[in-house]
Every structure is written in C-alpha cells, then in structure tokens.
C-alpha cells in the first residue's frame, strides 16, 4: 500500500508562483509514476503533469507547458510541481496520484490552489 500526501497549496495573486509537494510512503519501491491532476469546480479532473520514476520523461497538459515544472527526489520519495505565472484558471484542487507496478493508482486528499485576479 502507498500513502500519498499533498501540500503547498494556497491563495496567490495572478502571475505568482507556488510549489506543490507530493510525499509518498509505504510500498514506495513499487512506484512507477507520479501524476498531478487538478479539478476545478464543476469540471472534470484533468491531468496536469506526470513524471516517470525510472527515467526522466515528463508530460504536461498544454495549458501548463512553459509555466509548470514537475520534478522528483527519489531518495525522499517526493515529487514537486513548481507553478509559475499562475492564472485564475489554474484555480482548482490539485491531486497527486502514485501509480504502482500493478497499475493501481493511489490518491492523496488534494491541496487547494486559488489564484486571484
């Protein structure tokens, strides 16, 4: 079992920055990928960025390219999402999903990001 905790959300003005953290614990040797999602009020949850644990490949949603950077610290079982030049449309609850080698997804409780105009 993998336990996931997100942190780092908050209220920020447009064009500001936040860094979200995702901490994984438990059966961390089984982790193959960590993915950030977000869900805005009234909208479906969407993938924001993901990173492979065994390599360096990353994927970003088009709206995040050039503004967000996903990175990892395998030794600490941490993944970060650096978000720069935030926009009001980035307002959402951000979730971290950890994927294990069986393909199971383990979700955190989410962290709220609010960007004011």
Protein backbone atom coordinates (compact mmCIF):
# COMPACT_ATOMS: atom_id res chain seq x y z
CA UNK A 1 0.00 0.00 0.00
CA UNK A 2 1.16 3.51 -0.81
CA UNK A 3 0.14 6.55 1.20
CA UNK A 4 0.10 9.91 -0.55
CA UNK A 5 0.03 13.41 0.94
CA UNK A 6 -0.02 16.67 -1.00
CA UNK A 7 0.94 20.06 0.39
CA UNK A 8 1.86 23.54 -0.72
CA UNK A 9 -1.44 24.90 -1.96
CA UNK A 10 -2.76 28.31 -1.03
CA UNK A 11 -4.00 31.66 -2.23
CA UNK A 12 -1.81 33.58 -4.65
CA UNK A 13 -2.27 36.53 -6.96
CA UNK A 14 -2.18 36.12 -10.70
CA UNK A 15 1.38 35.87 -12.07
CA UNK A 16 2.52 34.49 -8.74
CA UNK A 17 4.11 31.13 -8.00
CA UNK A 18 3.51 28.11 -5.82
CA UNK A 19 5.33 24.85 -5.35
CA UNK A 20 3.26 21.79 -4.58
CA UNK A 21 4.76 18.74 -2.93
CA UNK A 22 3.67 15.13 -3.08
CA UNK A 23 5.03 12.79 -0.45
CA UNK A 24 4.73 9.04 -0.91
CA UNK A 25 5.23 6.49 1.86
CA UNK A 26 4.66 2.80 2.33
CA UNK A 27 5.48 0.45 -0.54
CA UNK A 28 7.44 3.10 -2.42
CA UNK A 29 9.66 0.58 -4.22
CA UNK A 30 6.62 -0.36 -6.31
CA UNK A 31 6.07 3.16 -7.65
CA UNK A 32 6.39 3.54 -11.40
CA UNK A 33 4.96 7.01 -11.99
CA UNK A 34 3.58 10.01 -10.14
CA UNK A 35 0.95 12.19 -11.73
CA UNK A 36 -0.50 15.57 -10.79
CA UNK A 37 -4.16 16.16 -11.58
CA UNK A 38 -6.43 19.06 -10.85
CA UNK A 39 -10.15 19.53 -10.58
CA UNK A 40 -11.83 22.90 -10.82
CA UNK A 41 -15.38 23.44 -9.57
CA UNK A 42 -17.88 21.99 -12.00
CA UNK A 43 -15.19 20.47 -14.20
CA UNK A 44 -13.73 17.04 -14.69
CA UNK A 45 -10.43 16.11 -13.16
CA UNK A 46 -7.62 16.63 -15.66
CA UNK A 47 -4.02 15.53 -15.85
CA UNK A 48 -1.60 18.41 -15.31
CA UNK A 49 1.82 16.73 -15.36
CA UNK A 50 3.41 13.37 -14.81
CA UNK A 51 6.87 12.02 -14.36
CA UNK A 52 8.27 8.52 -14.67
CA UNK A 53 10.22 7.28 -11.69
CA UNK A 54 12.55 5.08 -13.70
CA UNK A 55 13.50 7.75 -16.19
CA UNK A 56 13.23 11.42 -16.91
CA UNK A 57 10.24 11.57 -19.18
CA UNK A 58 7.60 14.14 -18.33
CA UNK A 59 4.22 15.03 -19.75
CA UNK A 60 2.32 18.29 -19.36
CA UNK A 61 -1.15 19.46 -20.25
CA UNK A 62 -0.92 22.15 -22.93
CA UNK A 63 -2.08 24.90 -20.58
CA UNK A 64 0.79 24.14 -18.18
CA UNK A 65 3.63 23.96 -20.68
CA UNK A 66 6.20 26.65 -20.12
CA UNK A 67 4.76 27.57 -16.73
CA UNK A 68 4.78 24.39 -14.65
CA UNK A 69 7.70 22.07 -13.95
CA UNK A 70 7.42 18.63 -12.40
CA UNK A 71 10.46 17.19 -10.66
CA UNK A 72 11.25 14.37 -8.30
CA UNK A 73 13.55 13.41 -5.48
CA UNK A 74 13.57 9.63 -5.47
CA UNK A 75 15.65 9.42 -2.32
CA UNK A 76 12.94 11.28 -0.43
CA UNK A 77 10.02 9.79 -2.35
CA UNK A 78 8.90 13.30 -3.18
CA UNK A 79 7.56 14.87 -6.34
CA UNK A 80 7.18 18.60 -6.78
CA UNK A 81 5.11 20.76 -9.07
CA UNK A 82 6.58 24.22 -9.50
CA UNK A 83 3.89 26.52 -10.85
CA UNK A 84 4.88 29.93 -12.17
CA UNK A 85 2.91 32.71 -13.81
CA UNK A 86 -0.28 31.37 -12.28
CA UNK A 87 -3.59 32.36 -13.80
CA UNK A 88 -7.09 32.46 -12.31
CA UNK A 89 -7.99 29.48 -14.49
CA UNK A 90 -5.39 27.43 -12.61
CA UNK A 91 -7.65 27.59 -9.56
CA UNK A 92 -8.50 24.03 -8.59
CA UNK A 93 -7.88 21.27 -6.11
CA UNK A 94 -4.61 19.62 -7.09
CA UNK A 95 -4.24 15.91 -6.52
CA UNK A 96 -1.26 13.62 -6.65
CA UNK A 97 -1.68 10.08 -7.91
CA UNK A 98 1.00 7.49 -7.39
CA UNK A 99 0.96 4.53 -9.78
CA UNK A 100 2.42 1.23 -8.65
CA UNK A 101 3.83 -1.60 -10.72
CA UNK A 102 0.43 -3.31 -10.77
CA UNK A 103 -1.11 -0.26 -12.38
CA UNK A 104 -3.01 0.73 -9.26
CA UNK A 105 -3.42 4.43 -8.55
CA UNK A 106 -3.10 5.77 -5.01
CA UNK A 107 -4.54 9.23 -4.46
CA UNK A 108 -3.86 11.92 -1.92
CA UNK A 109 -6.50 14.13 -0.34
CA UNK A 110 -5.72 17.11 -2.56
CA UNK A 111 -4.49 20.63 -1.94
CA UNK A 112 -6.41 23.76 -2.87
CA UNK A 113 -4.83 26.32 -5.17
CA UNK A 114 -6.65 29.62 -5.58
CA UNK A 115 -5.38 32.29 -7.95
CA UNK A 116 -6.91 35.73 -7.63
CA UNK A 117 -7.02 38.18 -10.50
